[in-house]
C-alpha atoms as a PDB file:
ATOM      1  CA  MET A   1     103.252 142.094 130.205  1.00  0.00           C
ATOM      2  CA  THR A   2     100.719 144.773 129.364  1.00  0.00           C
ATOM      3  CA  ARG A   3      97.005 144.086 129.038  1.00  0.00           C
ATOM      4  CA  LYS A   4      97.267 144.606 125.263  1.00  0.00           C
ATOM      5  CA  ALA A   5     100.129 142.123 124.972  1.00  0.00           C
ATOM      6  CA  VAL A   6      98.191 139.515 126.969  1.00  0.00           C
ATOM      7  CA  ALA A   7      95.154 139.973 124.734  1.00  0.00           C
ATOM      8  CA  ALA A   8      97.296 139.666 121.610  1.00  0.00           C
ATOM      9  CA  ALA A   9      98.925 136.495 122.909  1.00  0.00           C
ATOM     10  CA  LEU A  10      95.518 134.978 123.624  1.00  0.00           C
ATOM     11  CA  VAL A  11      94.322 135.763 120.109  1.00  0.00           C
ATOM     12  CA  VAL A  12      97.450 134.186 118.588  1.00  0.00           C
ATOM     13  CA  GLY A  13      97.009 131.107 120.762  1.00  0.00           C
ATOM     14  CA  ILE A  14      93.382 130.691 119.738  1.00  0.00           C
ATOM     15  CA  VAL A  15      94.247 131.055 116.054  1.00  0.00           C
ATOM     16  CA  LEU A  16      97.082 128.507 116.293  1.00  0.00           C
ATOM     17  CA  PHE A  17      94.829 126.095 118.182  1.00  0.00           C
ATOM     18  CA  ALA A  18      92.116 126.454 115.518  1.00  0.00           C
ATOM     19  CA  LEU A  19      94.623 125.886 112.736  1.00  0.00           C
ATOM     20  CA  GLY A  20      95.929 122.793 114.487  1.00  0.00           C
ATOM     21  CA  MET A  21      92.398 121.429 114.857  1.00  0.00           C
ATOM     22  CA  ALA A  22      91.660 122.122 111.205  1.00  0.00           C
ATOM     23  CA  THR A  23      94.842 120.371 110.123  1.00  0.00           C
ATOM     24  CA  THR A  24      94.082 117.321 112.257  1.00  0.00           C
ATOM     25  CA  THR A  25      90.504 117.140 111.027  1.00  0.00           C
ATOM     26  CA  GLY A  26      91.616 117.446 107.424  1.00  0.00           C
ATOM     27  CA  ALA A  27      94.142 114.644 107.838  1.00  0.00           C
ATOM     28  CA  GLN A  28      91.501 112.474 109.458  1.00  0.00           C
ATOM     29  CA  VAL A  29      89.096 113.027 106.577  1.00  0.00           C
ATOM     30  CA  MET A  30      91.786 112.273 104.013  1.00  0.00           C
ATOM     31  CA  LYS A  31      92.583 108.991 105.747  1.00  0.00           C
ATOM     32  CA  ASN A  32      88.926 107.994 105.897  1.00  0.00           C
ATOM     33  CA  ASP A  33      88.451 108.906 102.233  1.00  0.00           C
ATOM     34  CA  ALA A  34      90.657 105.923 101.383  1.00  0.00           C
ATOM     35  CA  LEU A  35      87.637 103.751 102.253  1.00  0.00           C
ATOM     36  CA  ASN A  36      84.193 104.386 100.819  1.00  0.00           C
ATOM     37  CA  ALA A  37      81.076 104.601 103.008  1.00  0.00           C
ATOM     38  CA  LYS A  38      80.243 100.908 102.594  1.00  0.00           C
ATOM     39  CA  GLN A  39      83.752  99.833 103.549  1.00  0.00           C
ATOM     40  CA  GLN A  40      83.760 102.103 106.599  1.00  0.00           C
ATOM     41  CA  GLY A  41      80.466 100.503 107.597  1.00  0.00           C
ATOM     42  CA  ILE A  42      82.061  97.050 107.412  1.00  0.00           C
ATOM     43  CA  VAL A  43      84.853  98.197 109.762  1.00  0.00           C
ATOM     44  CA  THR A  44      82.552  99.246 112.587  1.00  0.00           C
ATOM     45  CA  ILE A  45      80.086  96.370 112.157  1.00  0.00           C
ATOM     46  CA  ALA A  46      82.898  93.824 112.327  1.00  0.00           C
ATOM     47  CA  ALA A  47      84.692  95.565 115.195  1.00  0.00           C
ATOM     48  CA  PHE A  48      81.666  95.905 117.476  1.00  0.00           C
ATOM     49  CA  THR A  49      80.524  92.354 116.688  1.00  0.00           C
ATOM     50  CA  ALA A  50      83.942  90.998 117.654  1.00  0.00           C
ATOM     51  CA  LYS A  51      83.990  93.095 120.836  1.00  0.00           C
ATOM     52  CA  GLY A  52      80.446  92.070 121.751  1.00  0.00           C
ATOM     53  CA  ASP A  53      79.378  95.722 122.104  1.00  0.00           C
ATOM     54  CA  LEU A  54      75.790  95.348 120.939  1.00  0.00           C
ATOM     55  CA  ASP A  55      74.708  98.910 121.755  1.00  0.00           C
ATOM     56  CA  LYS A  56      77.372 100.365 119.458  1.00  0.00           C
ATOM     57  CA  LEU A  57      76.784  97.592 116.939  1.00  0.00           C
ATOM     58  CA  LYS A  58      73.184  98.735 116.615  1.00  0.00           C
ATOM     59  CA  GLY A  59      74.351 102.205 115.565  1.00  0.00           C
ATOM     60  CA  ALA A  60      76.952 100.726 113.220  1.00  0.00           C
ATOM     61  CA  LEU A  61      74.338  98.540 111.529  1.00  0.00           C
ATOM     62  CA  ASN A  62      72.091 101.539 110.913  1.00  0.00           C
ATOM     63  CA  GLU A  63      75.021 103.532 109.536  1.00  0.00           C
ATOM     64  CA  GLY A  64      76.043 100.603 107.338  1.00  0.00           C
ATOM     65  CA  LEU A  65      72.588 100.317 105.803  1.00  0.00           C
ATOM     66  CA  ASP A  66      72.381 104.087 105.333  1.00  0.00           C
ATOM     67  CA  GLY A  67      75.844 103.996 103.715  1.00  0.00           C
ATOM     68  CA  GLY A  68      74.783 101.509 101.033  1.00  0.00           C
ATOM     69  CA  LEU A  69      75.416  98.046 102.461  1.00  0.00           C
ATOM     70  CA  THR A  70      72.657  95.610 101.526  1.00  0.00           C
ATOM     71  CA  VAL A  71      70.878  93.390 104.024  1.00  0.00           C
ATOM     72  CA  ASN A  72      72.493  90.248 102.616  1.00  0.00           C
ATOM     73  CA  GLU A  73      75.963  91.807 102.653  1.00  0.00           C
ATOM     74  CA  ILE A  74      75.613  92.587 106.360  1.00  0.00           C
ATOM     75  CA  LYS A  75      74.239  89.108 107.061  1.00  0.00           C
ATOM     76  CA  GLU A  76      77.265  87.672 105.268  1.00  0.00           C
ATOM     77  CA  ILE A  77      79.678  89.758 107.364  1.00  0.00           C
ATOM     78  CA  LEU A  78      78.022  88.655 110.610  1.00  0.00           C
ATOM     79  CA  VAL A  79      77.984  85.003 109.551  1.00  0.00           C
ATOM     80  CA  GLN A  80      81.650  85.064 108.484  1.00  0.00           C
ATOM     81  CA  LEU A  81      82.702  86.521 111.815  1.00  0.00           C
ATOM     82  CA  TYR A  82      81.755  83.367 113.686  1.00  0.00           C
ATOM     83  CA  ALA A  83      84.969  81.875 112.276  1.00  0.00           C
ATOM     84  CA  TYR A  84      86.992  84.609 114.004  1.00  0.00           C
ATOM     85  CA  ALA A  85      84.973  85.809 117.008  1.00  0.00           C
ATOM     86  CA  GLY A  86      82.984  82.643 117.746  1.00  0.00           C
ATOM     87  CA  PHE A  87      79.376  81.565 117.356  1.00  0.00           C
ATOM     88  CA  PRO A  88      78.057  83.454 120.431  1.00  0.00           C
ATOM     89  CA  ARG A  89      79.125  86.878 119.151  1.00  0.00           C
ATOM     90  CA  SER A  90      78.084  86.105 115.598  1.00  0.00           C
ATOM     91  CA  LEU A  91      74.635  84.977 116.774  1.00  0.00           C
ATOM     92  CA  ASN A  92      74.301  88.035 119.039  1.00  0.00           C
ATOM     93  CA  GLY A  93      75.234  90.212 116.080  1.00  0.00           C
ATOM     94  CA  LEU A  94      72.590  88.576 113.898  1.00  0.00           C
ATOM     95  CA  ALA A  95      69.943  88.963 116.624  1.00  0.00           C
ATOM     96  CA  THR A  96      70.867  92.651 116.942  1.00  0.00           C
ATOM     97  CA  PHE A  97      70.596  93.030 113.177  1.00  0.00           C
ATOM     98  CA  MET A  98      67.119  91.468 113.221  1.00  0.00           C
ATOM     99  CA  ALA A  99      66.035  94.006 115.837  1.00  0.00           C
ATOM    100  CA  VAL A 100      67.474  96.863 113.768  1.00  0.00           C
ATOM    101  CA  MET A 101      65.634  95.636 110.677  1.00  0.00           C
ATOM    102  CA  ASP A 102      62.347  95.433 112.631  1.00  0.00           C
ATOM    103  CA  GLU A 103      62.793  99.003 113.890  1.00  0.00           C
ATOM    104  CA  ARG A 104      63.613 100.334 110.425  1.00  0.00           C
ATOM    105  CA  GLU A 105      60.610  98.555 108.908  1.00  0.00           C
ATOM    106  CA  LYS A 106      58.329 100.152 111.509  1.00  0.00           C
ATOM    107  CA  ARG A 107      59.763 103.541 110.512  1.00  0.00           C
ATOM    108  CA  GLY A 108      58.902 102.810 106.883  1.00  0.00           C
ATOM    109  CA  ILE A 109      62.507 102.340 105.713  1.00  0.00           C
ATOM    110  CA  LYS A 110      62.858  99.907 102.786  1.00  0.00           C
ATOM    111  CA  ASP A 111      66.412  98.564 102.726  1.00  0.00           C
ATOM    112  CA  ASP A 112      67.987  96.920  99.701  1.00  0.00           C
ATOM    113  CA  LEU A 113      67.975  93.164 100.276  1.00  0.00           C
ATOM    114  CA  GLY A 114      70.855  92.509  97.873  1.00  0.00           C
ATOM    115  CA  ARG A 115      71.597  89.237  96.188  1.00  0.00           C
ATOM    116  CA  GLU A 116      71.992  85.779  97.645  1.00  0.00           C
ATOM    117  CA  ALA A 117      75.201  83.811  97.177  1.00  0.00           C
ATOM    118  CA  SER A 118      75.403  81.560  94.118  1.00  0.00           C
ATOM    119  CA  PRO A 119      75.667  77.789  94.628  1.00  0.00           C
ATOM    120  CA  LEU A 120      79.222  76.572  95.171  1.00  0.00           C
ATOM    121  CA  PRO A 121      80.893  75.033  92.089  1.00  0.00           C
ATOM    122  CA  ALA A 122      79.816  71.440  91.515  1.00  0.00           C
ATOM    123  CA  ASP A 123      82.970  70.385  89.677  1.00  0.00           C
ATOM    124  CA  ARG A 124      85.229  70.217  92.742  1.00  0.00           C
ATOM    125  CA  SER A 125      85.000  69.435  96.431  1.00  0.00           C
ATOM    126  CA  ARG A 126      84.728  72.079  99.137  1.00  0.00           C
ATOM    127  CA  ARG A 127      88.288  71.283 100.198  1.00  0.00           C
ATOM    128  CA  GLU A 128      89.596  71.665  96.641  1.00  0.00           C
ATOM    129  CA  LEU A 129      87.753  74.963  96.265  1.00  0.00           C
ATOM    130  CA  GLY A 130      88.963  76.166  99.668  1.00  0.00           C
ATOM    131  CA  GLU A 131      92.572  75.258  98.982  1.00  0.00           C
ATOM    132  CA  GLU A 132      92.396  77.113  95.674  1.00  0.00           C
ATOM    133  CA  ILE A 133      90.954  80.230  97.351  1.00  0.00           C
ATOM    134  CA  GLN A 134      93.358  80.067 100.300  1.00  0.00           C
ATOM    135  CA  THR A 135      96.373  79.790  97.993  1.00  0.00           C
ATOM    136  CA  ARG A 136      95.121  82.707  95.906  1.00  0.00           C
ATOM    137  CA  LEU A 137      94.590  84.921  98.952  1.00  0.00           C
ATOM    138  CA  VAL A 138      97.826  84.068 100.735  1.00  0.00           C
ATOM    139  CA  GLY A 139      99.921  83.951  97.558  1.00  0.00           C
ATOM    140  CA  ALA A 140     101.289  80.432  98.091  1.00  0.00           C
ATOM    141  CA  PRO A 141     100.135  77.047  99.411  1.00  0.00           C
ATOM    142  CA  VAL A 142      99.717  77.222 103.191  1.00  0.00           C
ATOM    143  CA  LYS A 143     101.804  74.788 105.203  1.00  0.00           C
ATOM    144  CA  GLY A 144     103.202  74.841 108.697  1.00  0.00           C
ATOM    145  CA  ARG A 145     103.921  72.951 111.892  1.00  0.00           C
ATOM    146  CA  VAL A 146     100.506  73.687 113.352  1.00  0.00           C
ATOM    147  CA  MET A 147      98.837  72.150 110.289  1.00  0.00           C
ATOM    148  CA  GLU A 148     101.073  69.087 110.607  1.00  0.00           C
ATOM    149  CA  PHE A 149     100.481  68.876 114.354  1.00  0.00           C
ATOM    150  CA  ALA A 150      96.684  69.053 113.936  1.00  0.00           C
ATOM    151  CA  PRO A 151      95.679  68.057 110.369  1.00  0.00           C
ATOM    152  CA  ALA A 152      92.016  68.513 111.289  1.00  0.00           C
ATOM    153  CA  ILE A 153      92.437  72.287 111.618  1.00  0.00           C
ATOM    154  CA  ASP A 154      94.025  72.383 108.165  1.00  0.00           C
ATOM    155  CA  ALA A 155      91.053  70.461 106.748  1.00  0.00           C
ATOM    156  CA  PHE A 156      88.566  72.753 108.482  1.00  0.00           C
ATOM    157  CA  LEU A 157      90.335  75.899 107.296  1.00  0.00           C
ATOM    158  CA  LYS A 158      90.462  74.735 103.698  1.00  0.00           C
ATOM    159  CA  ALA A 159      87.065  73.049 103.369  1.00  0.00           C
ATOM    160  CA  HIS A 160      84.968  75.211 105.645  1.00  0.00           C
ATOM    161  CA  LEU A 161      86.469  78.683 106.140  1.00  0.00           C
ATOM    162  CA  PHE A 162      87.871  79.154 102.633  1.00  0.00           C
ATOM    163  CA  GLY A 163      85.537  76.750 100.807  1.00  0.00           C
ATOM    164  CA  ASP A 164      82.121  77.135 102.421  1.00  0.00           C
ATOM    165  CA  ILE A 165      82.478  80.749 103.582  1.00  0.00           C
ATOM    166  CA  PHE A 166      85.001  82.590 101.381  1.00  0.00           C
ATOM    167  CA  GLY A 167      83.628  80.595  98.424  1.00  0.00           C
ATOM    168  CA  ARG A 168      80.317  82.446  98.698  1.00  0.00           C
ATOM    169  CA  ASP A 169      80.223  85.157  96.070  1.00  0.00           C
ATOM    170  CA  ASN A 170      77.822  87.745  97.504  1.00  0.00           C
ATOM    171  CA  LEU A 171      80.702  89.491  99.289  1.00  0.00           C
ATOM    172  CA  ASP A 172      83.998  90.177  97.537  1.00  0.00           C
ATOM    173  CA  PHE A 173      87.387  89.263  98.965  1.00  0.00           C
ATOM    174  CA  GLN A 174      88.306  92.867  99.788  1.00  0.00           C
ATOM    175  CA  SER A 175      85.139  93.274 101.850  1.00  0.00           C
ATOM    176  CA  ARG A 176      85.754  89.957 103.598  1.00  0.00           C
ATOM    177  CA  GLU A 177      89.282  91.008 104.487  1.00  0.00           C
ATOM    178  CA  ILE A 178      88.157  94.424 105.755  1.00  0.00           C
ATOM    179  CA  ALA A 179      85.715  92.594 108.037  1.00  0.00           C
ATOM    180  CA  THR A 180      88.335  90.090 109.205  1.00  0.00           C
ATOM    181  CA  ILE A 181      91.048  92.698 109.808  1.00  0.00           C
ATOM    182  CA  SER A 182      88.640  94.939 111.713  1.00  0.00           C
ATOM    183  CA  ALA A 183      87.472  92.058 113.907  1.00  0.00           C
ATOM    184  CA  LEU A 184      91.008  90.865 114.674  1.00  0.00           C
ATOM    185  CA  ALA A 185      92.155  94.426 115.389  1.00  0.00           C
ATOM    186  CA  SER A 186      89.393  94.633 118.001  1.00  0.00           C
ATOM    187  CA  MET A 187      90.493  91.461 119.801  1.00  0.00           C
ATOM    188  CA  GLN A 188      93.478  90.930 122.079  1.00  0.00           C
ATOM    189  CA  GLY A 189      96.251  88.377 121.602  1.00  0.00           C
ATOM    190  CA  VAL A 190      95.761  87.756 117.868  1.00  0.00           C
ATOM    191  CA  ASP A 191      98.486  89.947 116.340  1.00  0.00           C
ATOM    192  CA  ALA A 192      99.934  87.045 114.323  1.00  0.00           C
ATOM    193  CA  GLN A 193      96.574  86.457 112.669  1.00  0.00           C
ATOM    194  CA  LEU A 194      96.059  90.201 112.207  1.00  0.00           C
ATOM    195  CA  GLN A 195      99.403  90.488 110.409  1.00  0.00           C
ATOM    196  CA  SER A 196      98.516  87.499 108.237  1.00  0.00           C
ATOM    197  CA  HIS A 197      95.231  89.070 107.169  1.00  0.00           C
ATOM    198  CA  LEU A 198      96.804  92.483 106.591  1.00  0.00           C
ATOM    199  CA  ASN A 199      99.055  90.695 104.114  1.00  0.00           C
ATOM    200  CA  VAL A 200      96.045  89.015 102.539  1.00  0.00           C
ATOM    201  CA  GLY A 201      94.287  92.376 102.330  1.00  0.00           C
ATOM    202  CA  LEU A 202      97.218  93.759 100.368  1.00  0.00           C
ATOM    203  CA  ASN A 203      97.246  90.625  98.194  1.00  0.00           C
ATOM    204  CA  VAL A 204      93.591  91.131  97.192  1.00  0.00           C
ATOM    205  CA  GLY A 205      94.186  94.742  96.186  1.00  0.00           C
ATOM    206  CA  LEU A 206      93.623  96.832  99.287  1.00  0.00           C
ATOM    207  CA  SER A 207      96.179  99.641  99.325  1.00  0.00           C
ATOM    208  CA  ALA A 208      98.278 100.756 102.266  1.00  0.00           C
ATOM    209  CA  ALA A 209      96.225 103.985 102.232  1.00  0.00           C
ATOM    210  CA  GLN A 210      93.005 101.994 102.531  1.00  0.00           C
ATOM    211  CA  LEU A 211      94.394 100.032 105.457  1.00  0.00           C
ATOM    212  CA  ARG A 212      95.446 103.312 107.081  1.00  0.00           C
ATOM    213  CA  GLY A 213      91.898 104.490 106.483  1.00  0.00           C
ATOM    214  CA  LEU A 214      90.583 101.359 108.201  1.00  0.00           C
ATOM    215  CA  ILE A 215      92.769 102.132 111.213  1.00  0.00           C
ATOM    216  CA  SER A 216      91.546 105.720 111.182  1.00  0.00           C
ATOM    217  CA  VAL A 217      87.943 104.481 111.430  1.00  0.00           C
ATOM    218  CA  LEU A 218      88.967 102.238 114.328  1.00  0.00           C
ATOM    219  CA  GLU A 219      90.547 105.215 116.077  1.00  0.00           C
ATOM    220  CA  THR A 220      87.581 107.543 115.689  1.00  0.00           C
ATOM    221  CA  LYS A 221      84.773 105.043 116.273  1.00  0.00           C
ATOM    222  CA  VAL A 222      86.121 102.017 118.151  1.00  0.00           C
ATOM    223  CA  GLY A 223      89.121 102.867 120.306  1.00  0.00           C
ATOM    224  CA  ARG A 224      92.580 104.412 120.361  1.00  0.00           C
ATOM    225  CA  ASP A 225      94.253 101.300 121.806  1.00  0.00           C
ATOM    226  CA  GLU A 226      92.872  99.090 119.030  1.00  0.00           C
ATOM    227  CA  ALA A 227      93.975 101.584 116.382  1.00  0.00           C
ATOM    228  CA  ASP A 228      97.476 102.019 117.841  1.00  0.00           C
ATOM    229  CA  ASN A 229      98.061  98.268 117.945  1.00  0.00           C
ATOM    230  CA  ALA A 230      96.721  97.798 114.412  1.00  0.00           C
ATOM    231  CA  ASP A 231      98.994 100.605 113.202  1.00  0.00           C
ATOM    232  CA  THR A 232     102.017  98.915 114.772  1.00  0.00           C
ATOM    233  CA  VAL A 233     101.137  95.581 113.154  1.00  0.00           C
ATOM    234  CA  LEU A 234     100.504  97.251 109.782  1.00  0.00           C
ATOM    235  CA  ASN A 235     103.902  98.989 109.892  1.00  0.00           C
ATOM    236  CA  ARG A 236     105.525  95.639 110.642  1.00  0.00           C
ATOM    237  CA  THR A 237     103.581  94.043 107.785  1.00  0.00           C
ATOM    238  CA  LEU A 238     104.573  96.696 105.259  1.00  0.00           C
ATOM    239  CA  SER A 239     108.197  96.575 106.381  1.00  0.00           C
ATOM    240  CA  GLY A 240     108.254  92.814 105.911  1.00  0.00           C
ATOM    241  CA  ARG A 241     106.867  93.077 102.387  1.00  0.00           C
ATOM    242  CA  ASP A 242     109.530  95.636 101.413  1.00  0.00           C
ATOM    243  CA  LYS A 243     112.363  93.216 102.184  1.00  0.00           C
END
């Protein structure tokens, strides 16, 4: 091959490579556009809290505040996650958030506090409220052998998780499900629960495109393995709903 031909081939290769990069980047942006800045902030905050990666959580908390999440919304996400990732990681997340808030205050940043949750309804018990919310989210009353085997877990899920926590109205159901899905996607061995909450996410109005966008955020900011597994579980979830 002549020197001119080699040079021409190199130019073509560079152009094709650049076009490929542009196409990939464009696709990535389109996927992420399915979630707004606040929702993308929830993904990374929940994921890094569940993983216990406090260094990356610190960055995610700053990005979440800069993207429009209020202080009370982030507190609510971190509190809710104790039900999925455990008290230690929830408490570590809250301590990290306190440190972030102190640093931002020293830099003169005034973050929006946001509103507190309203009192829970007084006309029904926490269990009644939780069962109503759980049924609405899942689409049918929740029963199963595990609930029969250990009735206490059924009572705790209904009264505490769905009554005390999901019953708080300063974070909407879509945001709560984005947080839950992102946390579960960042943990190992919980695919059954991840699939369940992907279904709930769809039930509360999240679109398949938004869930793909969530996975795209996981891929770019959390990890390829987490994103690949979540994508597999989402495909299984969507296939099951089509039948």
